[in-house]
Amino acid sequence: MEDGYVRAFEDSCRRLGVSHKRLVSYAGHSSQILSQIMPCGMIFIPSVGGVSHHPSEFSRWEDVITGVNVLLHTTLEIAGVNTP
């Protein structure tokens, strides 16, 4: 993962008051392929009960919205657009 993007995600979390921590993912993701040709990073959101990569995986809408908001603010920051 591109450390600059990960730091940008962390900065957005701090500005938005979103709790966060760095995670290492050992699961295969498309970012493994993308990172060979472009910088990338991943945002993980909580799954109810910690279930992941399973048909019963479920995330609350408020967590999905928070993740999207972090992505939006990070994208605007990287693009050089001022955000409130």
PDB file of N, CA and C in Angstrom:
ATOM      1  N   MET A   1       0.837  -1.179   0.000  1.00  0.00           N
ATOM      2  CA  MET A   1       0.000   0.000   0.000  1.00  0.00           C
ATOM      3  C   MET A   1       0.881   1.240   0.000  1.00  0.00           C
ATOM      4  N   GLU A   2       0.375   2.255  -0.602  1.00  0.00           N
ATOM      5  CA  GLU A   2       1.070   3.537  -0.664  1.00  0.00           C
ATOM      6  C   GLU A   2       0.950   4.231   0.688  1.00  0.00           C
ATOM      7  N   ASP A   3       2.081   4.397   1.376  1.00  0.00           N
ATOM      8  CA  ASP A   3       2.049   4.968   2.723  1.00  0.00           C
ATOM      9  C   ASP A   3       1.464   6.379   2.724  1.00  0.00           C
ATOM     10  N   GLY A   4       1.705   7.139   1.660  1.00  0.00           N
ATOM     11  CA  GLY A   4       1.145   8.493   1.584  1.00  0.00           C
ATOM     12  C   GLY A   4      -0.374   8.476   1.578  1.00  0.00           C
ATOM     13  N   TYR A   5      -0.960   7.508   0.888  1.00  0.00           N
ATOM     14  CA  TYR A   5      -2.415   7.409   0.864  1.00  0.00           C
ATOM     15  C   TYR A   5      -2.944   6.945   2.214  1.00  0.00           C
ATOM     16  N   VAL A   6      -2.247   6.015   2.827  1.00  0.00           N
ATOM     17  CA  VAL A   6      -2.676   5.543   4.144  1.00  0.00           C
ATOM     18  C   VAL A   6      -2.649   6.709   5.135  1.00  0.00           C
ATOM     19  N   ARG A   7      -1.591   7.513   5.087  1.00  0.00           N
ATOM     20  CA  ARG A   7      -1.525   8.695   5.966  1.00  0.00           C
ATOM     21  C   ARG A   7      -2.658   9.668   5.648  1.00  0.00           C
ATOM     22  N   ALA A   8      -2.990   9.821   4.367  1.00  0.00           N
ATOM     23  CA  ALA A   8      -4.091  10.714   3.982  1.00  0.00           C
ATOM     24  C   ALA A   8      -5.415  10.198   4.546  1.00  0.00           C
ATOM     25  N   PHE A   9      -5.627   8.879   4.509  1.00  0.00           N
ATOM     26  CA  PHE A   9      -6.834   8.303   5.119  1.00  0.00           C
ATOM     27  C   PHE A   9      -6.852   8.599   6.619  1.00  0.00           C
ATOM     28  N   GLU A  10      -5.706   8.421   7.271  1.00  0.00           N
ATOM     29  CA  GLU A  10      -5.627   8.677   8.714  1.00  0.00           C
ATOM     30  C   GLU A  10      -5.891  10.149   9.026  1.00  0.00           C
ATOM     31  N   ASP A  11      -5.346  11.050   8.213  1.00  0.00           N
ATOM     32  CA  ASP A  11      -5.588  12.486   8.412  1.00  0.00           C
ATOM     33  C   ASP A  11      -7.072  12.809   8.283  1.00  0.00           C
ATOM     34  N   SER A  12      -7.729  12.224   7.277  1.00  0.00           N
ATOM     35  CA  SER A  12      -9.166  12.454   7.101  1.00  0.00           C
ATOM     36  C   SER A  12      -9.941  11.934   8.306  1.00  0.00           C
ATOM     37  N   CYS A  13      -9.568  10.776   8.807  1.00  0.00           N
ATOM     38  CA  CYS A  13     -10.231  10.230   9.998  1.00  0.00           C
ATOM     39  C   CYS A  13     -10.090  11.186  11.172  1.00  0.00           C
ATOM     40  N   ARG A  14      -8.889  11.710  11.372  1.00  0.00           N
ATOM     41  CA  ARG A  14      -8.683  12.641  12.489  1.00  0.00           C
ATOM     42  C   ARG A  14      -9.541  13.891  12.317  1.00  0.00           C
ATOM     43  N   ARG A  15      -9.549  14.460  11.103  1.00  0.00           N
ATOM     44  CA  ARG A  15     -10.345  15.675  10.861  1.00  0.00           C
ATOM     45  C   ARG A  15     -11.834  15.426  11.067  1.00  0.00           C
ATOM     46  N   LEU A  16     -12.293  14.229  10.706  1.00  0.00           N
ATOM     47  CA  LEU A  16     -13.713  13.899  10.818  1.00  0.00           C
ATOM     48  C   LEU A  16     -14.084  13.324  12.187  1.00  0.00           C
ATOM     49  N   GLY A  17     -13.100  13.108  13.048  1.00  0.00           N
ATOM     50  CA  GLY A  17     -13.373  12.529  14.363  1.00  0.00           C
ATOM     51  C   GLY A  17     -13.719  11.053  14.308  1.00  0.00           C
ATOM     52  N   VAL A  18     -13.172  10.343  13.330  1.00  0.00           N
ATOM     53  CA  VAL A  18     -13.451   8.918  13.145  1.00  0.00           C
ATOM     54  C   VAL A  18     -12.317   8.108  13.775  1.00  0.00           C
ATOM     55  N   SER A  19     -12.665   7.164  14.639  1.00  0.00           N
ATOM     56  CA  SER A  19     -11.620   6.313  15.213  1.00  0.00           C
ATOM     57  C   SER A  19     -11.038   5.439  14.103  1.00  0.00           C
ATOM     58  N   HIS A  20      -9.750   5.171  14.208  1.00  0.00           N
ATOM     59  CA  HIS A  20      -9.082   4.411  13.155  1.00  0.00           C
ATOM     60  C   HIS A  20      -7.832   3.735  13.695  1.00  0.00           C
ATOM     61  N   LYS A  21      -7.371   2.737  12.964  1.00  0.00           N
ATOM     62  CA  LYS A  21      -6.085   2.102  13.237  1.00  0.00           C
ATOM     63  C   LYS A  21      -5.611   1.441  11.948  1.00  0.00           C
ATOM     64  N   ARG A  22      -4.307   1.282  11.847  1.00  0.00           N
ATOM     65  CA  ARG A  22      -3.741   0.606  10.676  1.00  0.00           C
ATOM     66  C   ARG A  22      -3.933  -0.894  10.825  1.00  0.00           C
ATOM     67  N   LEU A  23      -4.292  -1.520   9.728  1.00  0.00           N
ATOM     68  CA  LEU A  23      -4.449  -2.972   9.709  1.00  0.00           C
ATOM     69  C   LEU A  23      -3.616  -3.542   8.571  1.00  0.00           C
ATOM     70  N   VAL A  24      -3.108  -4.722   8.770  1.00  0.00           N
ATOM     71  CA  VAL A  24      -2.467  -5.457   7.693  1.00  0.00           C
ATOM     72  C   VAL A  24      -3.468  -6.512   7.256  1.00  0.00           C
ATOM     73  N   SER A  25      -3.795  -6.521   5.966  1.00  0.00           N
ATOM     74  CA  SER A  25      -4.743  -7.503   5.456  1.00  0.00           C
ATOM     75  C   SER A  25      -3.977  -8.595   4.724  1.00  0.00           C
ATOM     76  N   TYR A  26      -4.243  -9.823   5.105  1.00  0.00           N
ATOM     77  CA  TYR A  26      -3.593 -10.948   4.440  1.00  0.00           C
ATOM     78  C   TYR A  26      -4.501 -11.570   3.385  1.00  0.00           C
ATOM     79  N   ALA A  27      -5.711 -11.044   3.273  1.00  0.00           N
ATOM     80  CA  ALA A  27      -6.633 -11.535   2.251  1.00  0.00           C
ATOM     81  C   ALA A  27      -6.249 -10.939   0.903  1.00  0.00           C
ATOM     82  N   GLY A  28      -6.556 -11.638  -0.165  1.00  0.00           N
ATOM     83  CA  GLY A  28      -6.276 -11.119  -1.502  1.00  0.00           C
ATOM     84  C   GLY A  28      -7.258 -10.020  -1.862  1.00  0.00           C
ATOM     85  N   HIS A  29      -6.744  -8.927  -2.377  1.00  0.00           N
ATOM     86  CA  HIS A  29      -7.573  -7.805  -2.786  1.00  0.00           C
ATOM     87  C   HIS A  29      -7.087  -7.299  -4.132  1.00  0.00           C
ATOM     88  N   SER A  30      -7.965  -6.641  -4.862  1.00  0.00           N
ATOM     89  CA  SER A  30      -7.577  -6.072  -6.154  1.00  0.00           C
ATOM     90  C   SER A  30      -6.461  -5.052  -6.000  1.00  0.00           C
ATOM     91  N   SER A  31      -6.315  -4.484  -4.812  1.00  0.00           N
ATOM     92  CA  SER A  31      -5.249  -3.502  -4.597  1.00  0.00           C
ATOM     93  C   SER A  31      -3.866  -4.133  -4.757  1.00  0.00           C
ATOM     94  N   GLN A  32      -3.751  -5.439  -4.564  1.00  0.00           N
ATOM     95  CA  GLN A  32      -2.466  -6.106  -4.778  1.00  0.00           C
ATOM     96  C   GLN A  32      -2.034  -5.961  -6.232  1.00  0.00           C
ATOM     97  N   ILE A  33      -2.972  -6.031  -7.137  1.00  0.00           N
ATOM     98  CA  ILE A  33      -2.675  -5.886  -8.565  1.00  0.00           C
ATOM     99  C   ILE A  33      -2.524  -4.414  -8.912  1.00  0.00           C
ATOM    100  N   LEU A  34      -3.453  -3.585  -8.444  1.00  0.00           N
ATOM    101  CA  LEU A  34      -3.402  -2.154  -8.747  1.00  0.00           C
ATOM    102  C   LEU A  34      -2.120  -1.504  -8.247  1.00  0.00           C
ATOM    103  N   SER A  35      -1.624  -1.939  -7.093  1.00  0.00           N
ATOM    104  CA  SER A  35      -0.441  -1.304  -6.513  1.00  0.00           C
ATOM    105  C   SER A  35       0.803  -1.491  -7.371  1.00  0.00           C
ATOM    106  N   GLN A  36       0.753  -2.413  -8.320  1.00  0.00           N
ATOM    107  CA  GLN A  36       1.878  -2.611  -9.228  1.00  0.00           C
ATOM    108  C   GLN A  36       1.943  -1.524 -10.293  1.00  0.00           C
ATOM    109  N   ILE A  37       0.822  -0.824 -10.528  1.00  0.00           N
ATOM    110  CA  ILE A  37       0.805   0.192 -11.585  1.00  0.00           C
ATOM    111  C   ILE A  37       0.423   1.584 -11.094  1.00  0.00           C
ATOM    112  N   MET A  38      -0.070   1.682  -9.859  1.00  0.00           N
ATOM    113  CA  MET A  38      -0.484   2.981  -9.331  1.00  0.00           C
ATOM    114  C   MET A  38      -0.534   2.933  -7.810  1.00  0.00           C
ATOM    115  N   PRO A  39      -0.395   4.103  -7.165  1.00  0.00           N
ATOM    116  CA  PRO A  39      -0.512   4.108  -5.709  1.00  0.00           C
ATOM    117  C   PRO A  39      -1.950   3.809  -5.281  1.00  0.00           C
ATOM    118  N   CYS A  40      -2.106   3.093  -4.191  1.00  0.00           N
ATOM    119  CA  CYS A  40      -3.455   2.793  -3.709  1.00  0.00           C
ATOM    120  C   CYS A  40      -3.417   2.514  -2.212  1.00  0.00           C
ATOM    121  N   GLY A  41      -4.575   2.479  -1.627  1.00  0.00           N
ATOM    122  CA  GLY A  41      -4.747   2.160  -0.219  1.00  0.00           C
ATOM    123  C   GLY A  41      -6.140   1.593  -0.025  1.00  0.00           C
ATOM    124  N   MET A  42      -6.411   1.078   1.154  1.00  0.00           N
ATOM    125  CA  MET A  42      -7.723   0.497   1.425  1.00  0.00           C
ATOM    126  C   MET A  42      -8.295   1.076   2.710  1.00  0.00           C
ATOM    127  N   ILE A  43      -9.602   1.219   2.724  1.00  0.00           N
ATOM    128  CA  ILE A  43     -10.336   1.634   3.915  1.00  0.00           C
ATOM    129  C   ILE A  43     -11.182   0.443   4.345  1.00  0.00           C
ATOM    130  N   PHE A  44     -11.006   0.017   5.573  1.00  0.00           N
ATOM    131  CA  PHE A  44     -11.820  -1.063   6.119  1.00  0.00           C
ATOM    132  C   PHE A  44     -12.847  -0.465   7.065  1.00  0.00           C
ATOM    133  N   ILE A  45     -14.046  -1.011   7.035  1.00  0.00           N
ATOM    134  CA  ILE A  45     -15.083  -0.608   7.979  1.00  0.00           C
ATOM    135  C   ILE A  45     -15.442  -1.823   8.833  1.00  0.00           C
ATOM    136  N   PRO A  46     -16.014  -1.590  10.014  1.00  0.00           N
ATOM    137  CA  PRO A  46     -16.352  -2.726  10.884  1.00  0.00           C
ATOM    138  C   PRO A  46     -17.436  -3.617  10.281  1.00  0.00           C
ATOM    139  N   SER A  47     -17.310  -4.900  10.532  1.00  0.00           N
ATOM    140  CA  SER A  47     -18.358  -5.865  10.220  1.00  0.00           C
ATOM    141  C   SER A  47     -18.936  -6.348  11.542  1.00  0.00           C
ATOM    142  N   VAL A  48     -20.240  -6.518  11.586  1.00  0.00           N
ATOM    143  CA  VAL A  48     -20.895  -6.983  12.807  1.00  0.00           C
ATOM    144  C   VAL A  48     -20.302  -8.337  13.202  1.00  0.00           C
ATOM    145  N   GLY A  49     -19.848  -8.421  14.434  1.00  0.00           N
ATOM    146  CA  GLY A  49     -19.260  -9.657  14.934  1.00  0.00           C
ATOM    147  C   GLY A  49     -17.872  -9.944  14.397  1.00  0.00           C
ATOM    148  N   GLY A  50     -17.301  -9.016  13.622  1.00  0.00           N
ATOM    149  CA  GLY A  50     -15.969  -9.218  13.064  1.00  0.00           C
ATOM    150  C   GLY A  50     -15.917 -10.218  11.924  1.00  0.00           C
ATOM    151  N   VAL A  51     -17.084 -10.635  11.419  1.00  0.00           N
ATOM    152  CA  VAL A  51     -17.142 -11.621  10.341  1.00  0.00           C
ATOM    153  C   VAL A  51     -16.701 -10.965   9.039  1.00  0.00           C
ATOM    154  N   SER A  52     -15.781 -11.613   8.324  1.00  0.00           N
ATOM    155  CA  SER A  52     -15.251 -11.048   7.085  1.00  0.00           C
ATOM    156  C   SER A  52     -15.051 -12.150   6.048  1.00  0.00           C
ATOM    157  N   HIS A  53     -15.252 -11.812   4.792  1.00  0.00           N
ATOM    158  CA  HIS A  53     -15.072 -12.751   3.685  1.00  0.00           C
ATOM    159  C   HIS A  53     -15.925 -14.008   3.879  1.00  0.00           C
ATOM    160  N   HIS A  54     -17.176 -13.787   4.218  1.00  0.00           N
ATOM    161  CA  HIS A  54     -18.120 -14.880   4.461  1.00  0.00           C
ATOM    162  C   HIS A  54     -19.512 -14.381   4.081  1.00  0.00           C
ATOM    163  N   PRO A  55     -20.384 -15.251   3.573  1.00  0.00           N
ATOM    164  CA  PRO A  55     -21.729 -14.810   3.180  1.00  0.00           C
ATOM    165  C   PRO A  55     -22.513 -14.111   4.290  1.00  0.00           C
ATOM    166  N   SER A  56     -22.207 -14.404   5.554  1.00  0.00           N
ATOM    167  CA  SER A  56     -22.944 -13.765   6.648  1.00  0.00           C
ATOM    168  C   SER A  56     -22.355 -12.412   7.049  1.00  0.00           C
ATOM    169  N   GLU A  57     -21.309 -11.966   6.341  1.00  0.00           N
ATOM    170  CA  GLU A  57     -20.713 -10.665   6.662  1.00  0.00           C
ATOM    171  C   GLU A  57     -21.761  -9.567   6.500  1.00  0.00           C
ATOM    172  N   PHE A  58     -21.800  -8.644   7.470  1.00  0.00           N
ATOM    173  CA  PHE A  58     -22.754  -7.540   7.437  1.00  0.00           C
ATOM    174  C   PHE A  58     -22.133  -6.332   8.117  1.00  0.00           C
ATOM    175  N   SER A  59     -22.298  -5.169   7.502  1.00  0.00           N
ATOM    176  CA  SER A  59     -21.846  -3.905   8.099  1.00  0.00           C
ATOM    177  C   SER A  59     -23.034  -2.970   8.231  1.00  0.00           C
ATOM    178  N   ARG A  60     -23.069  -2.238   9.335  1.00  0.00           N
ATOM    179  CA  ARG A  60     -24.152  -1.279   9.561  1.00  0.00           C
ATOM    180  C   ARG A  60     -24.015  -0.110   8.586  1.00  0.00           C
ATOM    181  N   TRP A  61     -25.156   0.424   8.151  1.00  0.00           N
ATOM    182  CA  TRP A  61     -25.149   1.531   7.196  1.00  0.00           C
ATOM    183  C   TRP A  61     -24.361   2.722   7.703  1.00  0.00           C
ATOM    184  N   GLU A  62     -24.438   3.016   8.995  1.00  0.00           N
ATOM    185  CA  GLU A  62     -23.694   4.170   9.506  1.00  0.00           C
ATOM    186  C   GLU A  62     -22.186   3.963   9.353  1.00  0.00           C
ATOM    187  N   ASP A  63     -21.718   2.718   9.443  1.00  0.00           N
ATOM    188  CA  ASP A  63     -20.297   2.442   9.226  1.00  0.00           C
ATOM    189  C   ASP A  63     -19.931   2.563   7.744  1.00  0.00           C
ATOM    190  N   VAL A  64     -20.838   2.122   6.875  1.00  0.00           N
ATOM    191  CA  VAL A  64     -20.618   2.274   5.428  1.00  0.00           C
ATOM    192  C   VAL A  64     -20.524   3.759   5.078  1.00  0.00           C
ATOM    193  N   ILE A  65     -21.452   4.546   5.593  1.00  0.00           N
ATOM    194  CA  ILE A  65     -21.472   5.989   5.317  1.00  0.00           C
ATOM    195  C   ILE A  65     -20.204   6.653   5.846  1.00  0.00           C
ATOM    196  N   THR A  66     -19.760   6.258   7.022  1.00  0.00           N
ATOM    197  CA  THR A  66     -18.524   6.817   7.577  1.00  0.00           C
ATOM    198  C   THR A  66     -17.339   6.496   6.667  1.00  0.00           C
ATOM    199  N   GLY A  67     -17.246   5.264   6.202  1.00  0.00           N
ATOM    200  CA  GLY A  67     -16.159   4.878   5.291  1.00  0.00           C
ATOM    201  C   GLY A  67     -16.191   5.663   3.994  1.00  0.00           C
ATOM    202  N   VAL A  68     -17.379   5.853   3.444  1.00  0.00           N
ATOM    203  CA  VAL A  68     -17.518   6.632   2.209  1.00  0.00           C
ATOM    204  C   VAL A  68     -17.128   8.083   2.453  1.00  0.00           C
ATOM    205  N   ASN A  69     -17.494   8.625   3.602  1.00  0.00           N
ATOM    206  CA  ASN A  69     -17.150  10.004   3.939  1.00  0.00           C
ATOM    207  C   ASN A  69     -15.632  10.176   4.061  1.00  0.00           C
ATOM    208  N   VAL A  70     -14.959   9.203   4.671  1.00  0.00           N
ATOM    209  CA  VAL A  70     -13.492   9.240   4.749  1.00  0.00           C
ATOM    210  C   VAL A  70     -12.900   9.194   3.342  1.00  0.00           C
ATOM    211  N   LEU A  71     -13.426   8.321   2.487  1.00  0.00           N
ATOM    212  CA  LEU A  71     -12.945   8.237   1.105  1.00  0.00           C
ATOM    213  C   LEU A  71     -13.159   9.553   0.368  1.00  0.00           C
ATOM    214  N   LEU A  72     -14.334  10.153   0.520  1.00  0.00           N
ATOM    215  CA  LEU A  72     -14.637  11.429  -0.138  1.00  0.00           C
ATOM    216  C   LEU A  72     -13.654  12.512   0.293  1.00  0.00           C
ATOM    217  N   HIS A  73     -13.489  12.684   1.591  1.00  0.00           N
ATOM    218  CA  HIS A  73     -12.605  13.745   2.092  1.00  0.00           C
ATOM    219  C   HIS A  73     -11.148  13.502   1.709  1.00  0.00           C
ATOM    220  N   THR A  74     -10.734  12.249   1.696  1.00  0.00           N
ATOM    221  CA  THR A  74      -9.364  11.935   1.288  1.00  0.00           C
ATOM    222  C   THR A  74      -9.169  12.224  -0.194  1.00  0.00           C
ATOM    223  N   THR A  75     -10.135  11.852  -1.011  1.00  0.00           N
ATOM    224  CA  THR A  75     -10.049  12.112  -2.448  1.00  0.00           C
ATOM    225  C   THR A  75      -9.979  13.604  -2.723  1.00  0.00           C
ATOM    226  N   LEU A  76     -10.819  14.388  -2.048  1.00  0.00           N
ATOM    227  CA  LEU A  76     -10.794  15.839  -2.230  1.00  0.00           C
ATOM    228  C   LEU A  76      -9.464  16.425  -1.780  1.00  0.00           C
ATOM    229  N   GLU A  77      -8.918  15.919  -0.691  1.00  0.00           N
ATOM    230  CA  GLU A  77      -7.621  16.390  -0.194  1.00  0.00           C
ATOM    231  C   GLU A  77      -6.513  16.098  -1.209  1.00  0.00           C
ATOM    232  N   ILE A  78      -6.484  14.887  -1.723  1.00  0.00           N
ATOM    233  CA  ILE A  78      -5.459  14.507  -2.703  1.00  0.00           C
ATOM    234  C   ILE A  78      -5.606  15.335  -3.974  1.00  0.00           C
ATOM    235  N   ALA A  79      -6.857  15.657  -4.338  1.00  0.00           N
ATOM    236  CA  ALA A  79      -7.120  16.460  -5.537  1.00  0.00           C
ATOM    237  C   ALA A  79      -6.850  17.943  -5.311  1.00  0.00           C
ATOM    238  N   GLY A  80      -6.590  18.329  -4.065  1.00  0.00           N
ATOM    239  CA  GLY A  80      -6.294  19.729  -3.772  1.00  0.00           C
ATOM    240  C   GLY A  80      -7.512  20.605  -3.604  1.00  0.00           C
ATOM    241  N   VAL A  81      -8.658  19.987  -3.332  1.00  0.00           N
ATOM    242  CA  VAL A  81      -9.895  20.737  -3.118  1.00  0.00           C
ATOM    243  C   VAL A  81     -10.042  20.987  -1.620  1.00  0.00           C
ATOM    244  N   ASN A  82     -10.269  22.231  -1.238  1.00  0.00           N
ATOM    245  CA  ASN A  82     -10.444  22.557   0.184  1.00  0.00           C
ATOM    246  C   ASN A  82     -11.772  22.025   0.686  1.00  0.00           C
ATOM    247  N   THR A  83     -11.741  21.397   1.865  1.00  0.00           N
ATOM    248  CA  THR A  83     -12.971  20.895   2.479  1.00  0.00           C
ATOM    249  C   THR A  83     -13.145  21.560   3.833  1.00  0.00           C
ATOM    250  N   PRO A  84     -14.398  21.691   4.260  1.00  0.00           N
ATOM    251  CA  PRO A  84     -14.651  22.323   5.567  1.00  0.00           C
ATOM    252  C   PRO A  84     -14.137  21.470   6.708  1.00  0.00           C
TER     253      PRO A  84
END
